PDB file of N, CA and C in Angstrom:
ATOM      1  N   MET A   1     164.962  68.515  63.912  1.00  0.00           N
ATOM      2  CA  MET A   1     165.195  69.994  64.714  1.00  0.00           C
ATOM      3  C   MET A   1     164.329  69.962  65.340  1.00  0.00           C
ATOM      4  N   VAL A   2     165.087  70.496  66.711  1.00  0.00           N
ATOM      5  CA  VAL A   2     163.606  70.649  68.037  1.00  0.00           C
ATOM      6  C   VAL A   2     163.925  71.934  68.483  1.00  0.00           C
ATOM      7  N   LYS A   3     162.927  72.395  68.205  1.00  0.00           N
ATOM      8  CA  LYS A   3     162.186  73.788  68.972  1.00  0.00           C
ATOM      9  C   LYS A   3     162.036  73.943  70.156  1.00  0.00           C
ATOM     10  N   GLU A   4     162.595  75.364  70.433  1.00  0.00           N
ATOM     11  CA  GLU A   4     162.332  75.830  71.701  1.00  0.00           C
ATOM     12  C   GLU A   4     161.987  76.946  71.887  1.00  0.00           C
ATOM     13  N   TYR A   5     160.411  77.091  72.445  1.00  0.00           N
ATOM     14  CA  TYR A   5     159.390  78.422  72.965  1.00  0.00           C
ATOM     15  C   TYR A   5     159.779  78.809  74.542  1.00  0.00           C
ATOM     16  N   THR A   6     159.458  80.196  74.063  1.00  0.00           N
ATOM     17  CA  THR A   6     159.014  80.753  75.396  1.00  0.00           C
ATOM     18  C   THR A   6     157.949  82.071  75.404  1.00  0.00           C
ATOM     19  N   MET A   7     157.421  81.804  76.087  1.00  0.00           N
ATOM     20  CA  MET A   7     156.440  83.227  75.983  1.00  0.00           C
ATOM     21  C   MET A   7     156.861  83.933  77.243  1.00  0.00           C
ATOM     22  N   VAL A   8     156.676  85.910  76.422  1.00  0.00           N
ATOM     23  CA  VAL A   8     157.108  86.407  77.705  1.00  0.00           C
ATOM     24  C   VAL A   8     156.056  87.351  77.300  1.00  0.00           C
ATOM     25  N   TYR A   9     155.573  88.251  78.380  1.00  0.00           N
ATOM     26  CA  TYR A   9     154.956  89.251  78.717  1.00  0.00           C
ATOM     27  C   TYR A   9     155.385  90.634  77.937  1.00  0.00           C
ATOM     28  N   LEU A  10     154.660  91.441  77.007  1.00  0.00           N
ATOM     29  CA  LEU A  10     154.963  92.492  75.940  1.00  0.00           C
ATOM     30  C   LEU A  10     155.204  93.625  76.527  1.00  0.00           C
ATOM     31  N   ASN A  11     153.957  94.304  77.627  1.00  0.00           N
ATOM     32  CA  ASN A  11     153.782  95.179  78.424  1.00  0.00           C
ATOM     33  C   ASN A  11     153.584  95.379  79.700  1.00  0.00           C
ATOM     34  N   LYS A  12     154.457  95.295  80.373  1.00  0.00           N
ATOM     35  CA  LYS A  12     154.675  94.754  82.228  1.00  0.00           C
ATOM     36  C   LYS A  12     154.504  96.135  82.411  1.00  0.00           C
ATOM     37  N   GLY A  13     153.726  96.125  83.415  1.00  0.00           N
ATOM     38  CA  GLY A  13     152.735  97.430  84.500  1.00  0.00           C
ATOM     39  C   GLY A  13     151.986  97.880  83.323  1.00  0.00           C
ATOM     40  N   PHE A  14     151.393  98.984  84.393  1.00  0.00           N
ATOM     41  CA  PHE A  14     150.492  99.328  83.417  1.00  0.00           C
ATOM     42  C   PHE A  14     150.700 101.071  82.826  1.00  0.00           C
ATOM     43  N   LYS A  15     150.418 101.318  81.602  1.00  0.00           N
ATOM     44  CA  LYS A  15     150.463 102.582  81.340  1.00  0.00           C
ATOM     45  C   LYS A  15     149.292 103.038  80.970  1.00  0.00           C
ATOM     46  N   LEU A  16     149.496 104.726  80.810  1.00  0.00           N
ATOM     47  CA  LEU A  16     148.067 105.096  80.559  1.00  0.00           C
ATOM     48  C   LEU A  16     147.857 105.664  79.312  1.00  0.00           C
ATOM     49  N   SER A  17     148.736 104.700  78.370  1.00  0.00           N
ATOM     50  CA  SER A  17     147.990 104.887  77.118  1.00  0.00           C
ATOM     51  C   SER A  17     148.440 103.713  76.270  1.00  0.00           C
ATOM     52  N   ARG A  18     147.737 103.353  75.244  1.00  0.00           N
ATOM     53  CA  ARG A  18     148.149 102.069  74.191  1.00  0.00           C
ATOM     54  C   ARG A  18     149.082 101.953  73.508  1.00  0.00           C
ATOM     55  N   GLU A  19     149.523 103.407  73.020  1.00  0.00           N
ATOM     56  CA  GLU A  19     151.315 103.825  72.400  1.00  0.00           C
ATOM     57  C   GLU A  19     151.946 103.481  72.973  1.00  0.00           C
ATOM     58  N   LYS A  20     151.790 103.810  74.389  1.00  0.00           N
ATOM     59  CA  LYS A  20     152.850 103.262  75.447  1.00  0.00           C
ATOM     60  C   LYS A  20     153.284 101.554  75.390  1.00  0.00           C
ATOM     61  N   ASP A  21     152.023 101.291  75.435  1.00  0.00           N
ATOM     62  CA  ASP A  21     152.022  99.353  75.601  1.00  0.00           C
ATOM     63  C   ASP A  21     152.751  99.250  74.290  1.00  0.00           C
ATOM     64  N   LEU A  22     152.743  99.794  73.310  1.00  0.00           N
ATOM     65  CA  LEU A  22     153.101  99.154  72.061  1.00  0.00           C
ATOM     66  C   LEU A  22     154.406  99.423  71.883  1.00  0.00           C
ATOM     67  N   GLU A  23     154.666 100.507  72.338  1.00  0.00           N
ATOM     68  CA  GLU A  23     156.004 101.095  71.603  1.00  0.00           C
ATOM     69  C   GLU A  23     156.718 100.004  73.150  1.00  0.00           C
ATOM     70  N   GLN A  24     156.376  99.728  73.986  1.00  0.00           N
ATOM     71  CA  GLN A  24     157.334  98.764  75.154  1.00  0.00           C
ATOM     72  C   GLN A  24     156.869  97.304  74.679  1.00  0.00           C
ATOM     73  N   ALA A  25     156.220  96.495  73.889  1.00  0.00           N
ATOM     74  CA  ALA A  25     156.126  95.561  73.657  1.00  0.00           C
ATOM     75  C   ALA A  25     156.901  95.844  72.031  1.00  0.00           C
ATOM     76  N   GLN A  26     157.398  96.515  71.121  1.00  0.00           N
ATOM     77  CA  GLN A  26     157.913  96.582  70.065  1.00  0.00           C
ATOM     78  C   GLN A  26     159.591  96.159  70.260  1.00  0.00           C
ATOM     79  N   THR A  27     160.128  97.099  71.792  1.00  0.00           N
ATOM     80  CA  THR A  27     160.936  97.248  72.690  1.00  0.00           C
ATOM     81  C   THR A  27     161.444  95.637  72.464  1.00  0.00           C
ATOM     82  N   ILE A  28     160.561  95.351  73.469  1.00  0.00           N
ATOM     83  CA  ILE A  28     160.837  93.676  74.055  1.00  0.00           C
ATOM     84  C   ILE A  28     160.919  92.738  72.756  1.00  0.00           C
ATOM     85  N   ILE A  29     160.212  93.012  71.899  1.00  0.00           N
ATOM     86  CA  ILE A  29     160.319  91.655  70.609  1.00  0.00           C
ATOM     87  C   ILE A  29     161.704  92.073  70.059  1.00  0.00           C
ATOM     88  N   ASN A  30     161.788  93.221  69.746  1.00  0.00           N
ATOM     89  CA  ASN A  30     163.559  93.549  69.091  1.00  0.00           C
ATOM     90  C   ASN A  30     164.335  93.201  69.776  1.00  0.00           C
ATOM     91  N   GLU A  31     164.597  93.133  71.453  1.00  0.00           N
ATOM     92  CA  GLU A  31     165.106  92.636  72.103  1.00  0.00           C
ATOM     93  C   GLU A  31     165.262  91.358  72.018  1.00  0.00           C
ATOM     94  N   TYR A  32     164.458  90.528  71.761  1.00  0.00           N
ATOM     95  CA  TYR A  32     164.531  89.072  71.495  1.00  0.00           C
ATOM     96  C   TYR A  32     164.870  88.391  70.153  1.00  0.00           C
ATOM     97  N   VAL A  33     164.581  89.354  69.362  1.00  0.00           N
ATOM     98  CA  VAL A  33     164.933  88.831  68.278  1.00  0.00           C
ATOM     99  C   VAL A  33     166.080  89.117  67.481  1.00  0.00           C
ATOM    100  N   ALA A  34     166.985  90.205  68.589  1.00  0.00           N
ATOM    101  CA  ALA A  34     168.448  90.225  68.857  1.00  0.00           C
ATOM    102  C   ALA A  34     168.882  89.335  69.230  1.00  0.00           C
ATOM    103  N   LYS A  35     168.481  88.377  70.088  1.00  0.00           N
ATOM    104  CA  LYS A  35     169.170  86.790  70.591  1.00  0.00           C
ATOM    105  C   LYS A  35     168.761  86.114  70.372  1.00  0.00           C
ATOM    106  N   GLY A  36     168.207  86.130  68.725  1.00  0.00           N
ATOM    107  CA  GLY A  36     167.978  84.889  68.264  1.00  0.00           C
ATOM    108  C   GLY A  36     166.468  84.180  68.072  1.00  0.00           C
ATOM    109  N   TRP A  37     166.005  84.703  68.876  1.00  0.00           N
ATOM    110  CA  TRP A  37     164.305  84.182  68.850  1.00  0.00           C
ATOM    111  C   TRP A  37     163.533  84.790  68.120  1.00  0.00           C
ATOM    112  N   GLN A  38     162.851  83.987  67.375  1.00  0.00           N
ATOM    113  CA  GLN A  38     161.581  84.035  66.086  1.00  0.00           C
ATOM    114  C   GLN A  38     160.729  84.389  67.027  1.00  0.00           C
ATOM    115  N   LEU A  39     159.827  85.312  66.713  1.00  0.00           N
ATOM    116  CA  LEU A  39     158.918  85.745  66.907  1.00  0.00           C
ATOM    117  C   LEU A  39     157.714  84.970  65.969  1.00  0.00           C
ATOM    118  N   GLN A  40     156.813  84.085  67.051  1.00  0.00           N
ATOM    119  CA  GLN A  40     155.822  82.809  65.959  1.00  0.00           C
ATOM    120  C   GLN A  40     154.156  83.785  66.253  1.00  0.00           C
ATOM    121  N   GLN A  41     153.805  84.874  67.405  1.00  0.00           N
ATOM    122  CA  GLN A  41     152.460  85.359  67.353  1.00  0.00           C
ATOM    123  C   GLN A  41     152.425  86.493  68.772  1.00  0.00           C
ATOM    124  N   VAL A  42     151.734  87.189  68.219  1.00  0.00           N
ATOM    125  CA  VAL A  42     151.177  87.810  69.462  1.00  0.00           C
ATOM    126  C   VAL A  42     149.681  87.593  70.053  1.00  0.00           C
ATOM    127  N   VAL A  43     149.865  87.269  71.447  1.00  0.00           N
ATOM    128  CA  VAL A  43     148.670  86.823  72.415  1.00  0.00           C
ATOM    129  C   VAL A  43     148.225  87.998  72.999  1.00  0.00           C
ATOM    130  N   SER A  44     146.758  88.225  73.070  1.00  0.00           N
ATOM    131  CA  SER A  44     146.289  89.171  73.988  1.00  0.00           C
ATOM    132  C   SER A  44     145.512  88.500  74.743  1.00  0.00           C
ATOM    133  N   PRO A  45     145.278  87.827  75.623  1.00  0.00           N
ATOM    134  CA  PRO A  45     144.345  86.957  76.320  1.00  0.00           C
ATOM    135  C   PRO A  45     143.160  87.864  76.541  1.00  0.00           C
ATOM    136  N   SER A  46     141.995  87.147  76.654  1.00  0.00           N
ATOM    137  CA  SER A  46     140.350  87.573  76.716  1.00  0.00           C
ATOM    138  C   SER A  46     139.793  88.321  77.722  1.00  0.00           C
ATOM    139  N   ASP A  47     140.795  88.837  78.538  1.00  0.00           N
ATOM    140  CA  ASP A  47     140.307  89.194  80.184  1.00  0.00           C
ATOM    141  C   ASP A  47     141.069  90.901  79.938  1.00  0.00           C
ATOM    142  N   VAL A  48     140.469  91.374  81.049  1.00  0.00           N
ATOM    143  CA  VAL A  48     140.320  92.873  80.709  1.00  0.00           C
ATOM    144  C   VAL A  48     141.810  93.352  81.110  1.00  0.00           C
ATOM    145  N   SER A  49     142.537  92.972  80.906  1.00  0.00           N
ATOM    146  CA  SER A  49     144.184  93.450  81.596  1.00  0.00           C
ATOM    147  C   SER A  49     144.912  94.111  80.811  1.00  0.00           C
ATOM    148  N   GLY A  50     144.257  93.782  79.768  1.00  0.00           N
ATOM    149  CA  GLY A  50     145.465  94.523  78.569  1.00  0.00           C
ATOM    150  C   GLY A  50     146.310  93.806  78.020  1.00  0.00           C
ATOM    151  N   VAL A  51     146.871  92.777  78.426  1.00  0.00           N
ATOM    152  CA  VAL A  51     148.325  92.563  78.994  1.00  0.00           C
ATOM    153  C   VAL A  51     148.626  91.353  77.141  1.00  0.00           C
ATOM    154  N   LEU A  52     149.849  91.596  76.858  1.00  0.00           N
ATOM    155  CA  LEU A  52     150.170  91.148  75.555  1.00  0.00           C
ATOM    156  C   LEU A  52     151.310  90.203  76.020  1.00  0.00           C
ATOM    157  N   VAL A  53     151.401  89.033  75.117  1.00  0.00           N
ATOM    158  CA  VAL A  53     152.349  88.258  75.163  1.00  0.00           C
ATOM    159  C   VAL A  53     152.591  87.756  74.055  1.00  0.00           C
ATOM    160  N   GLY A  54     153.688  87.184  74.091  1.00  0.00           N
ATOM    161  CA  GLY A  54     154.947  87.310  72.582  1.00  0.00           C
ATOM    162  C   GLY A  54     155.130  85.838  72.557  1.00  0.00           C
ATOM    163  N   VAL A  55     154.574  84.736  72.004  1.00  0.00           N
ATOM    164  CA  VAL A  55     155.351  83.360  72.077  1.00  0.00           C
ATOM    165  C   VAL A  55     156.595  83.411  70.682  1.00  0.00           C
ATOM    166  N   PHE A  56     157.355  82.721  70.948  1.00  0.00           N
ATOM    167  CA  PHE A  56     158.726  82.984  70.577  1.00  0.00           C
ATOM    168  C   PHE A  56     159.463  81.903  70.485  1.00  0.00           C
ATOM    169  N   TYR A  57     160.734  81.358  69.711  1.00  0.00           N
ATOM    170  CA  TYR A  57     160.823  80.008  69.837  1.00  0.00           C
ATOM    171  C   TYR A  57     162.171  80.230  68.654  1.00  0.00           C
ATOM    172  N   LYS A  58     162.939  79.525  68.769  1.00  0.00           N
ATOM    173  CA  LYS A  58     164.351  78.927  68.352  1.00  0.00           C
ATOM    174  C   LYS A  58     164.471  77.485  67.932  1.00  0.00           C
ATOM    175  N   GLU A  59     164.978  77.407  67.056  1.00  0.00           N
ATOM    176  CA  GLU A  59     165.366  75.595  66.578  1.00  0.00           C
ATOM    177  C   GLU A  59     166.713  75.089  66.518  1.00  0.00           C
ATOM    178  N   HIS A  60     166.830  74.208  67.051  1.00  0.00           N
ATOM    179  CA  HIS A  60     167.973  73.756  67.665  1.00  0.00           C
ATOM    180  C   HIS A  60     168.287  72.490  66.714  1.00  0.00           C
TER     181      HIS A  60
END
């Protein structure tokens, strides 16, 4: 079995609240899961941008 991976920005654009960032991240995660992707992890890079990256995979 082969795994296909994709990395997705979960909170694009600048929001004035962390709650809005998390709402957007949750929406994007749910969209990818509905398309058959499985969430492996959420990564928050160690810079000050506050970007969240989701690592998803599908098995073939």
